[in-house]
Structures are given as structure tokens and as C-alpha cells.
N, C-alpha and C. Protein backbone atom coordinates (compact mmCIF):
# COMPACT_ATOMS: atom_id res chain seq x y z
N MET A 1 166.57 28.05 85.65
CA MET A 1 167.04 29.48 86.69
C MET A 1 167.43 30.37 85.30
N ALA A 2 167.40 31.23 85.82
CA ALA A 2 167.81 32.64 84.07
C ALA A 2 168.93 32.18 83.48
N PRO A 3 169.21 33.20 83.05
CA PRO A 3 170.48 33.34 82.54
C PRO A 3 171.52 33.66 83.09
N TYR A 4 171.24 34.23 84.36
CA TYR A 4 172.14 35.42 84.66
C TYR A 4 173.66 34.57 85.63
N GLN A 5 174.48 34.69 85.35
CA GLN A 5 175.38 34.26 86.31
C GLN A 5 175.82 34.83 87.64
N ASN A 6 175.50 36.34 87.78
CA ASN A 6 175.26 36.87 89.04
C ASN A 6 173.46 37.13 89.52
N LEU A 7 173.75 36.39 91.17
CA LEU A 7 172.41 35.83 91.60
C LEU A 7 171.56 37.59 92.06
N GLU A 8 172.18 38.30 92.26
CA GLU A 8 171.45 39.62 92.58
C GLU A 8 170.92 40.00 91.30
N GLU A 9 171.85 39.68 90.10
CA GLU A 9 171.15 40.78 89.16
C GLU A 9 169.73 40.25 88.46
N TYR A 10 169.74 38.07 88.63
CA TYR A 10 168.42 37.73 88.59
C TYR A 10 167.58 37.88 89.01
N ASN A 11 167.35 37.50 90.90
CA ASN A 11 166.08 38.45 91.30
C ASN A 11 165.83 39.59 91.27
N ILE A 12 166.64 40.52 91.13
CA ILE A 12 166.06 42.46 90.56
C ILE A 12 165.75 42.04 88.95
N GLU A 13 166.04 41.30 88.26
CA GLU A 13 165.29 41.15 87.08
C GLU A 13 164.02 40.03 87.65
N ILE A 14 163.43 38.94 88.30
CA ILE A 14 162.83 38.38 88.32
C ILE A 14 161.19 39.04 89.12
N THR A 15 162.30 40.31 90.11
CA THR A 15 160.95 40.62 90.73
C THR A 15 160.81 41.70 89.91
N ASN A 16 161.45 42.57 89.05
CA ASN A 16 160.62 43.73 88.49
C ASN A 16 159.22 42.45 87.07
N GLU A 17 159.50 41.21 87.15
CA GLU A 17 159.00 41.18 86.33
C GLU A 17 157.54 40.27 86.63
N VAL A 18 157.73 40.13 87.98
CA VAL A 18 156.62 39.71 89.02
C VAL A 18 155.68 41.31 89.57
N LYS A 19 156.21 42.01 89.58
CA LYS A 19 156.04 43.15 89.56
C LYS A 19 155.10 43.78 88.52
N ASP A 20 155.41 43.45 87.66
CA ASP A 20 154.64 44.03 86.27
C ASP A 20 153.66 43.48 86.27
N HIS A 21 153.69 41.60 86.58
CA HIS A 21 152.25 40.93 86.69
C HIS A 21 151.44 41.68 87.68
N PHE A 22 151.87 41.92 88.68
CA PHE A 22 150.85 41.94 90.04
C PHE A 22 150.38 43.85 89.72
N ALA A 23 151.08 44.88 88.77
CA ALA A 23 150.74 45.92 88.56
C ALA A 23 149.38 46.26 87.67
N LYS A 24 149.65 45.24 86.86
CA LYS A 24 148.41 44.58 85.67
C LYS A 24 147.16 44.21 86.51
N ILE A 25 147.21 43.35 87.63
CA ILE A 25 146.31 42.74 88.41
C ILE A 25 145.50 43.73 88.69
N VAL A 26 146.71 44.96 90.08
CA VAL A 26 145.36 46.05 90.69
C VAL A 26 144.83 46.40 88.76
N ASP A 27 145.07 46.92 87.72
CA ASP A 27 144.42 47.56 87.48
C ASP A 27 143.24 46.80 86.71
N ASP A 28 143.73 46.04 86.16
CA ASP A 28 142.66 44.87 85.92
C ASP A 28 141.61 45.01 86.91
N ILE A 29 141.56 44.63 87.90
CA ILE A 29 140.10 44.96 89.31
C ILE A 29 140.00 45.84 89.04
N GLY A 30 140.31 46.83 88.83
CA GLY A 30 139.63 47.97 88.57
C GLY A 30 140.00 49.11 89.04
N GLU A 31 141.51 49.04 89.72
CA GLU A 31 141.64 49.85 91.23
C GLU A 31 143.07 50.16 90.38
N ASP A 32 143.14 52.16 90.73
CA ASP A 32 144.37 53.06 90.27
C ASP A 32 145.94 52.43 91.13
N VAL A 33 146.47 51.99 89.52
CA VAL A 33 147.42 52.07 90.59
C VAL A 33 148.94 52.76 90.93
N ASN A 34 148.40 54.16 90.23
CA ASN A 34 148.98 55.21 91.07
C ASN A 34 148.57 55.66 91.87
N ARG A 35 147.56 55.26 92.26
CA ARG A 35 147.05 55.30 93.35
C ARG A 35 147.78 55.72 95.22
N GLU A 36 148.52 56.57 95.31
CA GLU A 36 148.95 57.12 96.58
C GLU A 36 148.97 55.68 97.30
N GLY A 37 148.27 54.93 97.91
CA GLY A 37 148.49 53.70 98.74
C GLY A 37 148.88 52.68 97.95
N LEU A 38 148.68 52.75 96.09
CA LEU A 38 148.91 51.63 95.62
C LEU A 38 150.49 51.28 94.99
N VAL A 39 150.75 52.57 94.57
CA VAL A 39 151.97 52.88 93.78
C VAL A 39 153.17 51.77 94.46
N LYS A 40 152.84 51.07 95.49
CA LYS A 40 154.64 50.40 96.13
C LYS A 40 153.74 48.82 96.15
N THR A 41 152.50 48.37 96.50
CA THR A 41 152.39 47.42 95.76
C THR A 41 152.31 46.24 94.83
N PRO A 42 152.51 47.09 93.54
CA PRO A 42 152.78 45.40 92.78
C PRO A 42 154.55 45.28 93.09
N GLU A 43 155.40 46.02 93.66
CA GLU A 43 156.13 46.10 94.37
C GLU A 43 157.08 44.61 95.24
N ARG A 44 156.22 45.42 96.43
CA ARG A 44 155.75 44.45 97.52
C ARG A 44 154.65 43.47 97.09
N ALA A 45 153.78 42.93 96.77
CA ALA A 45 153.81 41.49 96.62
C ALA A 45 154.77 40.77 96.19
N ALA A 46 154.90 41.60 94.73
CA ALA A 46 156.25 40.60 93.76
C ALA A 46 156.91 40.03 94.61
N LYS A 47 158.11 40.69 95.69
CA LYS A 47 158.80 40.25 97.00
C LYS A 47 157.96 39.87 98.06
N ALA A 48 157.03 39.61 98.64
CA ALA A 48 156.87 38.51 99.00
C ALA A 48 156.22 37.38 98.43
N MET A 49 155.52 37.24 97.10
CA MET A 49 155.29 36.29 96.73
C MET A 49 157.09 35.69 96.37
N LEU A 50 157.82 36.27 95.85
CA LEU A 50 159.16 35.24 95.54
C LEU A 50 159.69 34.94 96.95
N PHE A 51 159.42 35.60 98.43
CA PHE A 51 159.59 34.84 99.44
C PHE A 51 158.78 33.47 99.77
N LEU A 52 157.71 33.67 99.63
CA LEU A 52 156.62 32.55 100.10
C LEU A 52 156.65 32.04 98.87
N THR A 53 157.78 31.54 98.30
CA THR A 53 158.43 30.48 97.57
C THR A 53 159.50 30.40 96.93
N GLN A 54 159.94 30.70 97.89
CA GLN A 54 161.30 30.32 97.60
C GLN A 54 162.29 28.36 98.09
N GLY A 55 161.12 28.15 98.02
CA GLY A 55 161.52 26.47 98.22
C GLY A 55 161.83 25.52 97.03
N TYR A 56 161.57 26.85 96.00
CA TYR A 56 161.80 26.31 94.82
C TYR A 56 162.66 26.25 94.68
N LYS A 57 163.71 27.64 94.93
CA LYS A 57 165.27 27.22 95.13
C LYS A 57 166.36 26.80 95.81
N GLN A 58 165.30 25.98 96.80
CA GLN A 58 166.10 25.18 97.66
C GLN A 58 166.47 23.97 97.46
N ASN A 59 167.44 22.70 98.85
CA ASN A 59 167.84 21.62 98.26
C ASN A 59 167.20 20.98 99.41
N ALA A 60 166.37 20.41 99.92
CA ALA A 60 166.07 19.73 101.41
C ALA A 60 166.45 18.85 101.33
N VAL A 61 167.13 18.23 100.52
CA VAL A 61 168.01 16.85 100.13
C VAL A 61 169.58 17.09 101.23
N GLU A 62 169.69 18.11 100.87
CA GLU A 62 170.96 19.24 100.88
C GLU A 62 171.58 19.59 102.55
N ILE A 63 170.29 19.74 102.85
CA ILE A 63 169.78 20.68 103.80
C ILE A 63 169.72 19.52 105.42
N LEU A 64 169.12 18.51 104.81
CA LEU A 64 169.52 17.17 105.55
C LEU A 64 170.69 17.02 105.99
N LYS A 65 171.70 16.22 104.93
CA LYS A 65 173.29 15.82 104.43
C LYS A 65 173.91 17.08 105.56
N SER A 66 173.86 17.93 105.36
CA SER A 66 174.53 18.95 106.08
C SER A 66 174.92 18.49 107.38
N ALA A 67 173.78 17.90 108.01
CA ALA A 67 173.90 18.04 109.56
C ALA A 67 173.83 16.40 109.62
N MET A 68 173.64 15.57 109.07
CA MET A 68 174.18 13.99 109.66
C MET A 68 175.22 13.97 110.23
N PHE A 69 174.88 12.73 111.50
CA PHE A 69 175.45 12.67 112.09
C PHE A 69 175.61 10.94 112.20
N ALA A 70 176.54 10.24 112.70
CA ALA A 70 176.57 8.90 113.06
C ALA A 70 176.24 8.82 114.07
N GLU A 71 175.27 7.64 115.12
CA GLU A 71 174.72 7.88 116.22
C GLU A 71 173.95 6.84 116.52
N SER A 72 174.15 6.33 117.62
CA SER A 72 173.99 4.38 117.59
C SER A 72 172.21 4.82 118.11
N TYR A 73 171.59 5.69 118.77
CA TYR A 73 170.25 5.68 119.25
C TYR A 73 169.54 5.31 117.98
N ASP A 74 168.82 5.35 118.86
CA ASP A 74 167.93 4.00 117.85
C ASP A 74 165.99 4.00 118.38
N ASP A 75 165.71 5.10 119.61
CA ASP A 75 164.17 5.57 120.01
C ASP A 75 164.50 6.57 118.99
N MET A 76 162.67 6.31 119.10
CA MET A 76 161.99 7.86 118.61
C MET A 76 162.02 9.15 118.99
N VAL A 77 162.52 10.17 117.38
CA VAL A 77 162.55 11.57 117.62
C VAL A 77 162.25 12.22 117.28
N ILE A 78 160.88 12.90 117.87
CA ILE A 78 160.02 14.10 117.87
C ILE A 78 159.72 15.27 117.51
N ILE A 79 159.55 16.19 116.73
CA ILE A 79 159.63 17.36 116.37
C ILE A 79 158.31 17.75 116.29
N LYS A 80 157.53 18.71 117.79
CA LYS A 80 156.35 18.66 116.98
C LYS A 80 156.13 20.21 116.92
N ASP A 81 154.72 20.38 116.43
CA ASP A 81 154.54 21.85 116.81
C ASP A 81 155.32 22.53 116.05
N ILE A 82 155.33 22.37 114.47
CA ILE A 82 156.25 23.62 113.96
C ILE A 82 155.63 24.03 112.86
N GLU A 83 155.77 24.98 113.14
CA GLU A 83 155.36 26.44 112.21
C GLU A 83 154.89 26.01 110.89
N VAL A 84 153.52 25.44 109.73
CA VAL A 84 153.98 25.22 108.51
C VAL A 84 152.63 26.91 108.44
N TYR A 85 153.72 27.15 107.03
CA TYR A 85 152.71 28.41 106.16
C TYR A 85 153.34 27.92 105.03
N SER A 86 151.90 27.99 103.77
CA SER A 86 152.03 27.79 102.82
C SER A 86 151.38 28.17 101.48
N LEU A 87 150.60 27.78 100.23
CA LEU A 87 149.92 28.78 99.76
C LEU A 87 148.99 27.56 98.73
N CYS A 88 148.24 27.49 98.71
CA CYS A 88 146.93 26.32 98.34
C CYS A 88 147.38 26.48 96.51
N GLU A 89 148.19 25.56 95.95
CA GLU A 89 148.31 25.71 94.37
C GLU A 89 146.41 26.27 93.53
N HIS A 90 145.49 25.78 94.38
CA HIS A 90 144.67 26.31 93.24
C HIS A 90 144.28 27.72 93.16
N HIS A 91 144.56 28.53 94.47
CA HIS A 91 143.42 29.73 94.45
C HIS A 91 144.88 30.45 95.37
N MET A 92 145.65 30.13 95.78
CA MET A 92 147.15 30.77 95.36
C MET A 92 146.80 31.96 97.43
N LEU A 93 146.19 31.03 97.77
CA LEU A 93 146.09 32.08 99.19
C LEU A 93 146.25 30.86 100.11
N PRO A 94 146.35 30.90 101.46
CA PRO A 94 147.22 30.83 103.02
C PRO A 94 146.64 29.32 103.15
N PHE A 95 147.48 28.40 103.92
CA PHE A 95 147.19 26.93 104.56
C PHE A 95 148.83 27.38 105.91
N PHE A 96 147.80 27.26 107.03
CA PHE A 96 148.80 27.33 107.73
C PHE A 96 148.44 26.36 109.16
N GLY A 97 149.22 26.11 109.36
CA GLY A 97 149.57 25.04 110.70
C GLY A 97 150.47 24.73 111.61
N LYS A 98 150.52 23.53 111.78
CA LYS A 98 151.57 22.64 112.71
C LYS A 98 152.13 21.57 111.83
N ALA A 99 153.57 20.88 111.74
CA ALA A 99 153.33 19.99 111.21
C ALA A 99 153.80 19.21 112.43
N HIS A 100 154.48 17.81 112.66
CA HIS A 100 154.67 16.43 114.28
C HIS A 100 155.30 16.05 113.19
N ILE A 101 156.57 16.24 113.61
CA ILE A 101 157.15 14.76 112.98
C ILE A 101 158.84 14.13 113.55
N ALA A 102 158.74 12.38 112.98
CA ALA A 102 159.43 11.91 113.84
C ALA A 102 159.60 11.20 113.67
N TYR A 103 160.80 10.47 113.24
CA TYR A 103 161.91 9.30 112.95
C TYR A 103 162.39 8.88 114.22
N ILE A 104 162.52 7.11 113.63
CA ILE A 104 163.29 6.21 113.55
C ILE A 104 164.98 5.88 113.54
N PRO A 105 165.93 6.45 114.44
CA PRO A 105 167.02 6.52 113.86
C PRO A 105 167.96 4.72 113.43
N ASP A 106 168.52 4.83 112.47
CA ASP A 106 169.87 3.57 112.10
C ASP A 106 170.70 3.94 111.78
N GLY A 107 171.15 4.12 112.92
CA GLY A 107 172.77 5.17 112.90
C GLY A 107 173.14 6.33 111.83
N HIS A 108 171.67 6.84 111.97
CA HIS A 108 172.38 8.62 112.33
C HIS A 108 171.11 9.63 112.91
N ILE A 109 172.08 9.97 113.16
CA ILE A 109 170.71 10.99 113.62
C ILE A 109 171.29 12.62 112.48
N VAL A 110 170.13 13.31 112.89
CA VAL A 110 170.34 14.95 111.80
C VAL A 110 169.94 16.12 112.85
N GLY A 111 170.58 17.07 112.67
CA GLY A 111 170.68 17.81 113.60
C GLY A 111 169.18 18.31 113.55
N LEU A 112 168.82 18.58 115.25
CA LEU A 112 167.14 19.59 115.48
C LEU A 112 166.46 20.35 114.14
N SER A 113 167.15 21.09 114.13
CA SER A 113 166.73 22.43 113.44
C SER A 113 166.75 22.05 111.92
N LYS A 114 167.12 20.82 111.34
CA LYS A 114 166.93 20.99 110.06
C LYS A 114 165.42 20.11 109.38
N ILE A 115 165.03 19.84 110.13
CA ILE A 115 163.45 19.28 110.28
C ILE A 115 163.14 19.69 110.05
N PRO A 116 162.50 21.51 110.37
CA PRO A 116 161.49 22.50 110.26
C PRO A 116 162.01 22.72 108.87
N ARG A 117 163.24 23.06 108.44
CA ARG A 117 163.94 23.85 107.49
C ARG A 117 163.16 23.40 106.45
N VAL A 118 163.18 21.33 106.75
CA VAL A 118 162.91 20.76 104.88
C VAL A 118 161.99 20.66 105.35
N VAL A 119 160.46 21.20 106.21
CA VAL A 119 159.14 21.06 106.19
C VAL A 119 159.35 23.56 105.40
N ASP A 120 159.83 24.12 105.64
CA ASP A 120 160.23 24.85 104.81
C ASP A 120 160.36 25.46 103.53
N VAL A 121 161.24 24.45 103.32
CA VAL A 121 161.94 23.76 101.43
C VAL A 121 160.70 23.56 101.02
N PHE A 122 159.68 22.58 101.29
CA PHE A 122 158.58 21.97 100.77
C PHE A 122 157.14 23.09 100.57
N ALA A 123 156.99 23.70 101.67
CA ALA A 123 156.07 24.75 102.18
C ALA A 123 155.77 25.44 101.08
N ARG A 124 157.02 26.14 101.26
CA ARG A 124 157.15 28.00 100.29
C ARG A 124 157.24 27.52 99.36
N ARG A 125 156.49 26.81 98.68
CA ARG A 125 156.12 26.70 97.39
C ARG A 125 154.54 26.51 97.23
N LEU A 126 153.77 26.61 95.44
CA LEU A 126 152.44 26.09 95.69
C LEU A 126 152.23 24.36 95.87
N GLN A 127 151.54 24.73 96.83
CA GLN A 127 151.36 23.49 97.34
C GLN A 127 149.46 23.16 98.03
N VAL A 128 149.58 21.33 97.38
CA VAL A 128 148.25 21.33 98.66
C VAL A 128 148.83 20.38 99.59
N GLN A 129 148.37 20.17 100.68
CA GLN A 129 148.38 19.50 101.53
C GLN A 129 149.08 18.13 101.61
N GLU A 130 148.30 17.39 100.78
CA GLU A 130 148.14 15.89 100.73
C GLU A 130 149.87 15.81 100.30
N ARG A 131 150.09 16.93 99.56
CA ARG A 131 151.41 15.96 98.23
C ARG A 131 152.79 16.88 100.06
N LEU A 132 152.52 18.02 100.43
CA LEU A 132 153.25 18.21 101.31
C LEU A 132 153.65 16.93 102.27
N THR A 133 153.19 17.17 102.80
CA THR A 133 152.97 16.02 103.80
C THR A 133 153.60 14.66 102.85
N HIS A 134 153.10 14.43 101.84
CA HIS A 134 154.15 12.73 101.11
C HIS A 134 155.54 13.88 100.81
N ASP A 135 155.53 15.01 100.32
CA ASP A 135 156.90 15.35 100.18
C ASP A 135 158.16 14.74 101.31
N ILE A 136 157.42 16.03 102.52
CA ILE A 136 158.07 16.24 103.77
C ILE A 136 158.82 14.36 104.17
N LEU A 137 157.77 13.58 104.45
CA LEU A 137 157.73 12.43 104.79
C LEU A 137 158.90 11.68 103.82
N GLU A 138 158.83 11.62 102.26
CA GLU A 138 159.20 10.93 101.66
C GLU A 138 161.29 11.19 101.46
N CYS A 139 160.95 12.57 101.47
CA CYS A 139 162.15 13.65 101.60
C CYS A 139 163.24 12.38 102.97
N ILE A 140 162.53 12.90 104.34
CA ILE A 140 163.58 12.28 105.44
C ILE A 140 163.52 11.12 105.09
N ASN A 141 162.95 9.91 104.41
CA ASN A 141 162.71 8.67 104.72
C ASN A 141 163.76 8.11 103.84
N ASN A 142 164.14 8.67 102.61
CA ASN A 142 164.82 8.75 101.47
C ASN A 142 166.66 8.97 102.04
N THR A 143 166.54 10.07 102.90
CA THR A 143 167.92 10.94 103.37
C THR A 143 168.76 10.14 103.93
N LEU A 144 167.90 9.89 105.19
CA LEU A 144 168.45 9.52 106.26
C LEU A 144 168.26 7.86 106.49
N LYS A 145 167.00 7.47 105.79
CA LYS A 145 167.32 6.37 105.62
C LYS A 145 167.02 5.24 107.41
N PRO A 146 165.95 6.40 107.79
CA PRO A 146 165.75 5.74 109.40
C PRO A 146 164.89 4.00 109.50
N LYS A 147 164.56 4.07 110.08
CA LYS A 147 163.78 2.82 110.59
C LYS A 147 162.36 2.96 110.55
N GLY A 148 161.53 4.58 110.71
CA GLY A 148 160.38 4.57 110.34
C GLY A 148 160.34 6.26 110.75
N VAL A 149 159.73 6.50 110.07
CA VAL A 149 159.04 8.13 109.77
C VAL A 149 157.74 8.45 109.30
N ALA A 150 156.99 9.76 110.70
CA ALA A 150 156.13 9.76 110.58
C ALA A 150 155.72 11.38 110.90
N VAL A 151 154.56 11.98 109.96
CA VAL A 151 154.03 13.28 109.26
C VAL A 151 152.84 13.17 109.82
N VAL A 152 153.12 14.43 110.66
CA VAL A 152 151.32 14.91 110.55
C VAL A 152 151.19 16.21 110.60
N ILE A 153 150.48 16.63 109.26
CA ILE A 153 150.18 18.15 109.61
C ILE A 153 148.73 18.37 109.81
N GLU A 154 148.69 19.43 110.72
CA GLU A 154 147.12 19.82 110.63
C GLU A 154 147.15 21.38 109.94
N ALA A 155 145.93 21.91 109.37
CA ALA A 155 146.01 22.78 108.82
C ALA A 155 145.03 23.75 108.66
N ALA A 156 144.85 25.21 108.38
CA ALA A 156 143.69 25.96 108.42
C ALA A 156 143.62 26.57 106.99
N HIS A 157 142.68 26.63 105.91
CA HIS A 157 142.42 26.55 104.90
C HIS A 157 141.66 27.83 104.28
N MET A 158 142.58 29.10 103.93
CA MET A 158 142.23 30.51 104.08
C MET A 158 141.14 30.40 102.48
N CYS A 159 141.33 28.84 101.94
CA CYS A 159 140.38 29.23 100.04
C CYS A 159 139.71 28.49 100.85
N MET A 160 138.91 28.23 102.46
CA MET A 160 137.75 27.21 102.80
C MET A 160 137.42 28.36 104.11
N MET A 161 138.00 29.42 103.86
CA MET A 161 137.85 29.86 105.22
C MET A 161 137.51 31.19 104.69
N MET A 162 137.79 32.85 103.38
CA MET A 162 137.44 33.36 102.75
C MET A 162 136.64 33.24 101.88
N ARG A 163 136.61 32.03 101.61
CA ARG A 163 135.57 32.20 100.02
C ARG A 163 134.95 30.39 99.77
N GLY A 164 134.59 30.41 98.79
CA GLY A 164 133.75 29.35 98.92
C GLY A 164 132.78 28.61 100.41
N VAL A 165 133.48 27.45 100.73
CA VAL A 165 131.71 27.22 101.81
C VAL A 165 132.15 28.16 102.73
N GLN A 166 133.17 29.21 102.87
CA GLN A 166 133.58 30.05 104.27
C GLN A 166 133.53 28.67 105.46
N LYS A 167 134.11 28.63 105.44
CA LYS A 167 133.49 27.17 106.92
C LYS A 167 134.93 27.74 107.91
N GLN A 168 134.97 28.81 108.66
CA GLN A 168 135.76 29.07 109.66
C GLN A 168 136.61 28.15 110.34
N ASN A 169 136.28 27.05 110.97
CA ASN A 169 136.93 26.48 112.42
C ASN A 169 136.87 24.96 111.59
N SER A 170 137.51 24.89 110.41
CA SER A 170 137.45 23.34 109.83
C SER A 170 138.95 23.47 109.64
N VAL A 171 139.23 21.88 110.00
CA VAL A 171 140.80 22.09 110.42
C VAL A 171 141.01 20.79 109.13
N THR A 172 142.45 20.30 108.38
CA THR A 172 141.93 19.17 107.90
C THR A 172 143.89 18.82 108.02
N THR A 173 143.38 17.59 108.83
CA THR A 173 144.95 16.56 108.20
C THR A 173 145.32 16.13 107.84
N THR A 174 146.24 15.76 108.30
CA THR A 174 147.80 14.56 106.61
C THR A 174 148.36 14.02 107.30
N SER A 175 148.76 12.42 107.40
CA SER A 175 149.60 11.83 107.69
C SER A 175 150.30 11.15 106.86
N GLY A 176 151.36 10.49 106.79
CA GLY A 176 152.25 9.66 106.15
C GLY A 176 152.70 8.48 107.40
N PHE A 177 152.90 7.21 107.01
CA PHE A 177 154.43 6.61 107.77
C PHE A 177 154.58 5.89 106.55
N ARG A 178 156.10 5.60 107.85
CA ARG A 178 156.70 4.21 106.39
C ARG A 178 157.52 4.14 107.38
N GLY A 179 157.89 2.28 107.16
CA GLY A 179 158.67 1.50 108.07
C GLY A 179 157.58 1.74 109.36
N GLN A 180 158.83 0.94 110.62
CA GLN A 180 158.14 0.86 111.66
C GLN A 180 157.15 1.53 112.29
N PHE A 181 157.37 2.71 111.58
CA PHE A 181 155.57 3.51 111.80
C PHE A 181 154.27 3.33 111.48
N GLU A 182 154.48 1.83 110.58
CA GLU A 182 153.23 1.26 109.78
C GLU A 182 153.24 0.32 110.90
N LYS A 183 153.65 0.25 111.74
CA LYS A 183 152.93 -0.69 112.54
C LYS A 183 152.68 -0.81 113.68
N ILE A 184 151.18 -0.95 113.89
CA ILE A 184 149.56 -0.32 114.51
C ILE A 184 150.12 -0.24 115.81
N GLU A 185 151.29 -0.11 117.31
CA GLU A 185 151.99 0.02 118.26
C GLU A 185 151.98 1.39 118.31
N THR A 186 153.54 1.04 117.33
CA THR A 186 154.82 2.20 117.40
C THR A 186 153.87 3.38 116.22
N ARG A 187 153.22 3.20 115.89
CA ARG A 187 152.28 4.86 115.48
C ARG A 187 151.28 4.91 116.61
N ASN A 188 150.78 4.38 117.09
CA ASN A 188 149.98 4.45 118.63
C ASN A 188 151.00 5.19 118.84
N GLU A 189 151.83 4.93 119.47
CA GLU A 189 152.94 5.69 120.84
C GLU A 189 153.17 7.34 120.75
N PHE A 190 153.39 7.53 119.13
CA PHE A 190 153.81 8.06 118.28
C PHE A 190 152.23 9.58 117.87
N LEU A 191 151.39 8.60 118.04
CA LEU A 191 150.34 9.81 118.47
C LEU A 191 149.60 10.24 119.51
N LYS A 192 149.85 8.99 120.70
CA LYS A 192 149.71 9.41 121.72
C LYS A 192 150.33 10.73 122.40
N LEU A 193 151.91 11.04 122.02
CA LEU A 193 152.70 11.78 122.38
C LEU A 193 152.36 12.89 121.30
N ILE A 194 151.39 13.46 120.59
CA ILE A 194 151.27 14.47 120.46
C ILE A 194 149.93 14.94 120.22
N SER A 195 149.78 13.90 120.92
CA SER A 195 147.82 13.54 121.22
C SER A 195 147.05 15.46 121.69
N SER A 196 148.43 16.01 122.76
CA SER A 196 147.91 17.05 122.99
C SER A 196 147.28 18.04 121.93
N ASP A 197 148.42 17.81 120.79
CA ASP A 197 148.20 18.89 120.07
C ASP A 197 147.68 18.60 118.75
N LEU A 198 146.39 17.36 119.19
CA LEU A 198 145.48 17.11 117.28
C LEU A 198 144.16 17.60 117.74
N SER A 199 142.73 17.58 117.18
CA SER A 199 142.37 18.63 117.66
C SER A 199 141.01 16.75 117.63
């Protein structure tokens, strides 16, 4: 972190630094950074990049712990169709899609909004889909200590759609299972319940 006591001062300073980098990129690709339509582009791009990577400053474990409640419920809890927006760490282009997450409580449940917040914490970083799936899975498993956790993410990657192989309709699916979801019958129940969302 920066050596500033004042977070607002830090945010202004880091925004200005990133803005200068974007201004140089605009210049390096042969554009006129002083052209009317581009004058504010470096600042806008800097603010957008800092927003899209704000997960580095957030703590997913603390988010879960802030809304854990003792409860005897021990059946499957599923939160599906969680919107996912992230940046591919290889090309810094977006990938986006849906996450489907389930857990089986073991003495504690968590506020339902906290699961999508955990997804956002890890998605708002430079990522690969495989690690994103693993990060979410391990955070929920290690913090809630449930009987089982399942995570499935489906995403389209702009690095495959806009450049490279330029495949417009490909979707990447990643999954991870812990605890009771490693049993085929429990996993199949989960997959059946979300099957209407899987292509």
C-alpha cells in the first residue's frame, strides 16, 4: 500500500499515476492525446481500471465472517446466476459470465448477499477463470467450514472473441468441488438444479 494516511489522498495519487501511463499508451499507439475526444480518456481509463481491480483492496474472508449465523440447517444452499465480470491477466481483456455456487452448512449459514460479494472480490482482479473458481471455492470452504462447497463458472472471453482465434460463441466452464460435493450423487443433484443454466 502507499505511504498515505489519508485514503482519499492515496486514491488521487494512484489515479494520477495510472492516468499518466494510459496517456503514454495513447501516444505510443499513434493517437493525439490532446485531441478533443481523447483529452479525458486517460483519466477515465485510469478510474475504470482501478474500479475493475478493486478486489485487491478487499478481504473476502472478512466479508463472509461479517454475516455468519449459527443455524442447524444442513441441506444444500444454492446461489446461481451470479454475474461475473473480470479481466484476463494475459491480455487484460474482459471475460464475463455466470457463477453457480452451493454449500451445505455445518452449524453456520451466511447472509446470501455475501456469496456474490465474494465472487466480486476475486473477479475484480487480474485473473484466469481456473484460479477464480479455485479462489472462490477455497475462501468459502476455509471460512464457513461447511460440509461441502461447489462452484461452477461459465464465461465468454474477449481475448478469444476479439483477437486470436476470434471464436464468437465459445464458452469456458470451470468447476470445483469440496466435501460432500465430491460424492457423485451430491454433485449430480447440484448440477441438475443448475442444469437449466448450463449450455
